[in-house]
Amino acid sequence: MKVYGFDPSLTNFGWALHDTGGVGLSRCLDRGRFQTSSKTLFIDRYIEMRANVVHLLKGSGIQRMGIEYPIFNDLWSEGMYGLFLFTCEALRQMQMDVIFLSPGQVKGHARDLPVEIVDQDSGLATLQPFRPKNWKMEKPDMVEAAQADAGGGKWNHNEADAYWVARTAGRFWLFHDGDLAASDLTDRERKQFADIKTIQRGDRAGQIEKKGILYREDERFFQWSKDKP
């Protein structure tokens, strides 16, 4: 399955195309950035970004993707939300199926990437997370994680973020379609995608609460490919 990932920004809008069945360098089929100048009238920047998204997706034959949604109460969060809405409008116009992912969720998947570590004394190799638990995952970390998963070469951090959005979205859509079972998911994926809890206290004690993204259609994921033209 080929899946697009978007990391929206008015200055450097990162995008990447991930192949869920790819190995090494074939995991990331393409990547890039849309750029607009801060000297351009703000509304024209939004319009230009929306047009860039439509141009990228038009004729691609790809209908699955993920997008990182903005952090609220952060620097210029209103402006980022505006770009997010313009982008979502373009995605619905192009009838894309999309999952919304938070920055923290995306970083968590990059941090959990299993990498082979060889003990210098014993020579034994073990699989360990790319970064330790609770590691903050700054821009260089996200770039290194993308390089480790999809091959070396020069990566921009916006493209790396977009790649991890695409990779995470690809895992969700495979699970959604039944191509991955719950037992195939990582602990983080299982919690984010399929979390079901039984409420222990209060008036709702004993009730089942489905918090996983799989159970939140039209809130955290959308199947706009089913819309009539």
Protein backbone atom coordinates (compact mmCIF):
# COMPACT_ATOMS: atom_id res chain seq x y z
CA MET A 1 0.00 0.00 0.00
CA LYS A 2 1.26 3.48 -0.89
CA VAL A 3 0.48 6.14 1.69
CA TYR A 4 1.14 9.89 1.76
CA GLY A 5 2.14 11.74 4.90
CA PHE A 6 1.85 15.49 5.46
CA ASP A 7 3.58 17.75 7.98
CA PRO A 8 1.86 21.12 7.34
CA SER A 9 3.79 24.38 7.56
CA LEU A 10 3.43 27.64 5.67
CA THR A 11 7.21 27.91 5.27
CA ASN A 12 8.19 24.27 4.69
CA PHE A 13 5.23 21.95 4.17
CA GLY A 14 6.77 18.48 4.30
CA TRP A 15 5.33 15.53 2.40
CA ALA A 16 6.45 11.95 1.86
CA LEU A 17 5.20 8.85 0.08
CA HIS A 18 5.66 5.58 1.97
CA ASP A 19 5.32 2.03 0.65
CA THR A 20 4.14 -0.28 3.43
CA GLY A 21 5.57 -3.27 1.57
CA GLY A 22 8.90 -1.64 0.77
CA VAL A 23 12.29 -2.61 2.15
CA GLY A 24 15.17 -0.23 2.84
CA LEU A 25 15.42 2.50 0.23
CA SER A 26 12.13 1.43 -1.35
CA ARG A 27 10.20 2.36 1.80
CA CYS A 28 10.17 6.05 0.90
CA LEU A 29 9.17 6.39 -2.73
CA ASP A 30 9.27 10.19 -2.86
CA ARG A 31 9.46 13.22 -0.57
CA GLY A 32 9.65 16.97 -0.74
CA ARG A 33 8.45 20.34 0.56
CA PHE A 34 6.06 23.07 -0.49
CA GLN A 35 7.36 26.54 0.32
CA THR A 36 5.79 30.00 0.43
CA SER A 37 7.34 33.36 1.23
CA SER A 38 6.48 35.27 4.40
CA LYS A 39 6.27 38.37 2.17
CA THR A 40 3.22 36.92 0.41
CA LEU A 41 -0.24 37.97 1.63
CA PHE A 42 -1.29 35.41 4.26
CA ILE A 43 -4.47 34.25 2.50
CA ASP A 44 -2.58 33.75 -0.76
CA ARG A 45 -0.14 31.49 1.09
CA TYR A 46 -3.03 29.28 2.23
CA ILE A 47 -4.50 29.19 -1.27
CA GLU A 48 -1.13 28.31 -2.79
CA MET A 49 -0.58 25.48 -0.30
CA ARG A 50 -4.02 24.06 -0.99
CA ALA A 51 -3.28 24.15 -4.73
CA ASN A 52 0.06 22.40 -4.12
CA VAL A 53 -1.69 19.59 -2.25
CA VAL A 54 -4.26 19.11 -5.01
CA HIS A 55 -1.53 19.10 -7.67
CA LEU A 56 0.47 16.47 -5.77
CA LEU A 57 -2.47 14.13 -5.25
CA LYS A 58 -4.25 14.59 -8.58
CA GLY A 59 -3.78 11.58 -10.81
CA SER A 60 -1.61 9.75 -8.27
CA GLY A 61 -4.11 6.92 -7.81
CA ILE A 62 -3.36 6.99 -4.07
CA GLN A 63 -6.24 7.36 -1.62
CA ARG A 64 -4.71 6.65 1.79
CA MET A 65 -2.73 9.11 3.89
CA GLY A 66 -2.06 10.68 7.27
CA ILE A 67 -1.66 14.27 8.40
CA GLU A 68 -0.18 15.79 11.54
CA TYR A 69 -2.61 18.15 13.23
CA PRO A 70 -1.44 21.34 14.97
CA ILE A 71 -0.60 21.79 18.63
CA PHE A 72 -3.05 24.22 20.20
CA ASN A 73 -1.93 27.02 22.53
CA ASP A 74 1.46 26.86 20.85
CA LEU A 75 3.27 29.52 18.82
CA TRP A 76 0.88 30.80 16.11
CA SER A 77 -1.45 27.85 16.61
CA GLU A 78 -4.40 29.70 15.01
CA GLY A 79 -2.45 30.17 11.80
CA MET A 80 -1.40 26.53 11.73
CA TYR A 81 -4.99 25.43 12.29
CA GLY A 82 -6.02 27.58 9.35
CA LEU A 83 -3.50 25.77 7.15
CA PHE A 84 -4.72 22.45 8.53
CA LEU A 85 -8.30 23.29 7.52
CA PHE A 86 -7.29 24.41 4.02
CA THR A 87 -5.36 21.15 3.63
CA CYS A 88 -8.29 19.04 4.86
CA GLU A 89 -10.54 20.78 2.36
CA ALA A 90 -8.16 19.74 -0.41
CA LEU A 91 -8.03 16.16 0.91
CA ARG A 92 -11.81 15.87 0.88
CA GLN A 93 -11.93 17.38 -2.60
CA MET A 94 -9.47 14.70 -3.74
CA GLN A 95 -11.49 12.01 -1.87
CA MET A 96 -8.58 10.87 0.27
CA ASP A 97 -8.90 8.59 3.28
CA VAL A 98 -6.98 10.29 6.08
CA ILE A 99 -5.99 9.71 9.69
CA PHE A 100 -5.16 12.63 12.00
CA LEU A 101 -2.04 12.11 14.13
CA SER A 102 -0.67 14.31 16.89
CA PRO A 103 3.03 15.33 16.90
CA GLY A 104 3.56 13.30 20.06
CA GLN A 105 2.10 10.17 18.50
CA VAL A 106 4.32 10.50 15.45
CA LYS A 107 7.45 11.02 17.55
CA GLY A 108 6.58 8.01 19.67
CA HIS A 109 6.55 5.72 16.63
CA ALA A 110 9.92 7.05 15.48
CA ARG A 111 11.36 6.59 18.97
CA ASP A 112 10.14 2.97 19.09
CA LEU A 113 11.77 1.98 15.78
CA PRO A 114 13.60 -1.30 16.49
CA VAL A 115 17.28 -1.12 15.55
CA GLU A 116 19.96 -3.77 15.80
CA ILE A 117 22.56 -3.08 18.50
CA VAL A 118 25.71 -5.23 18.58
CA ASP A 119 27.45 -5.75 21.92
CA GLN A 120 31.12 -5.01 21.40
CA ASP A 121 32.25 -7.58 23.98
CA SER A 122 30.04 -10.56 23.11
CA GLY A 123 29.30 -9.71 19.48
CA LEU A 124 25.64 -10.56 20.05
CA ALA A 125 23.03 -8.44 18.30
CA THR A 126 19.76 -7.41 19.93
CA LEU A 127 16.83 -5.26 18.81
CA GLN A 128 16.35 -2.12 20.86
CA PRO A 129 14.25 1.05 20.48
CA PHE A 130 15.85 3.76 18.36
CA ARG A 131 15.79 6.11 21.35
CA PRO A 132 15.18 5.40 25.07
CA LYS A 133 11.75 5.78 26.64
CA ASN A 134 10.68 9.41 27.19
CA TRP A 135 13.38 10.72 24.82
CA LYS A 136 12.13 14.07 23.51
CA MET A 137 12.81 13.32 19.80
CA GLU A 138 14.07 16.61 18.44
CA LYS A 139 14.40 17.40 14.74
CA PRO A 140 17.80 15.65 14.31
CA ASP A 141 16.39 12.53 15.99
CA MET A 142 13.46 12.42 13.58
CA VAL A 143 15.85 12.76 10.64
CA GLU A 144 18.09 9.97 11.93
CA ALA A 145 15.08 7.73 12.53
CA ALA A 146 13.88 8.30 8.95
CA GLN A 147 17.36 7.53 7.64
CA ALA A 148 17.52 4.35 9.74
CA ASP A 149 14.14 3.14 8.46
CA ALA A 150 14.20 4.27 4.82
CA GLY A 151 17.85 4.62 3.94
CA GLY A 152 20.53 7.23 4.29
CA GLY A 153 21.07 10.36 2.29
CA LYS A 154 20.20 13.93 3.11
CA TRP A 155 16.82 14.44 4.75
CA ASN A 156 15.08 17.67 5.68
CA HIS A 157 13.41 17.48 9.10
CA ASN A 158 10.02 18.45 7.62
CA GLU A 159 10.30 15.58 5.16
CA ALA A 160 11.36 13.24 7.97
CA ASP A 161 8.31 14.19 10.04
CA ALA A 162 6.08 13.67 7.00
CA TYR A 163 7.66 10.26 6.41
CA TRP A 164 6.86 9.15 9.94
CA VAL A 165 3.30 10.42 9.54
CA ALA A 166 3.00 8.33 6.36
CA ARG A 167 4.58 5.28 7.96
CA THR A 168 2.31 5.44 11.00
CA ALA A 169 -0.75 6.06 8.81
CA GLY A 170 0.20 3.05 6.68
CA ARG A 171 0.19 0.81 9.74
CA PHE A 172 -3.23 2.11 10.75
CA TRP A 173 -4.77 1.57 7.33
CA LEU A 174 -3.38 -1.97 7.13
CA PHE A 175 -4.96 -2.68 10.52
CA HIS A 176 -8.20 -1.01 9.49
CA ASP A 177 -8.41 -3.17 6.35
CA GLY A 178 -7.68 -6.38 8.24
CA ASP A 179 -4.25 -6.91 6.71
CA LEU A 180 -2.72 -6.60 10.18
CA ALA A 181 -4.16 -8.32 13.25
CA ALA A 182 -4.04 -6.74 16.70
CA SER A 183 -1.31 -9.25 17.57
CA ASP A 184 0.81 -7.83 14.71
CA LEU A 185 0.80 -4.33 16.21
CA THR A 186 3.39 -2.87 18.53
CA ASP A 187 2.30 -1.95 22.05
CA ARG A 188 2.10 1.71 21.05
CA GLU A 189 0.11 0.94 17.90
CA ARG A 190 -2.28 -1.29 19.82
CA LYS A 191 -2.91 1.45 22.38
CA GLN A 192 -3.38 4.20 19.81
CA PHE A 193 -5.33 2.25 17.21
CA ALA A 194 -7.40 -0.26 19.17
CA ASP A 195 -7.51 0.73 22.84
CA ILE A 196 -10.60 -0.51 24.71
CA LYS A 197 -11.01 0.12 28.43
CA THR A 198 -13.51 -0.90 31.07
CA ILE A 199 -14.37 2.01 33.36
CA GLN A 200 -13.60 1.03 36.94
CA ARG A 201 -15.15 3.80 39.01
CA GLY A 202 -18.07 6.21 39.18
CA ASP A 203 -21.53 6.04 37.68
CA ARG A 204 -20.17 4.50 34.49
CA ALA A 205 -18.28 1.68 36.21
CA GLY A 206 -18.38 -1.49 34.14
CA GLN A 207 -19.05 0.30 30.87
CA ILE A 208 -16.77 -0.29 27.88
CA GLU A 209 -14.96 2.77 26.52
CA LYS A 210 -13.48 2.49 23.03
CA LYS A 211 -10.70 5.08 22.83
CA GLY A 212 -8.67 3.70 19.92
CA ILE A 213 -8.62 5.63 16.65
CA LEU A 214 -10.26 2.68 14.88
CA TYR A 215 -13.46 3.45 16.79
CA ARG A 216 -13.42 7.19 16.09
CA GLU A 217 -14.37 7.48 12.43
CA ASP A 218 -15.33 11.01 11.36
CA GLU A 219 -13.39 12.31 14.33
CA ARG A 220 -9.83 10.99 14.05
CA PHE A 221 -10.01 9.26 10.66
CA PHE A 222 -12.14 9.85 7.59
CA GLN A 223 -12.95 7.72 4.55
CA TRP A 224 -13.61 10.46 2.03
CA SER A 225 -12.96 8.05 -0.84
CA LYS A 226 -16.53 6.87 -0.25
CA ASP A 227 -18.02 10.32 -0.87
CA LYS A 228 -19.96 10.75 -4.07
CA PRO A 229 -18.17 13.09 -6.53
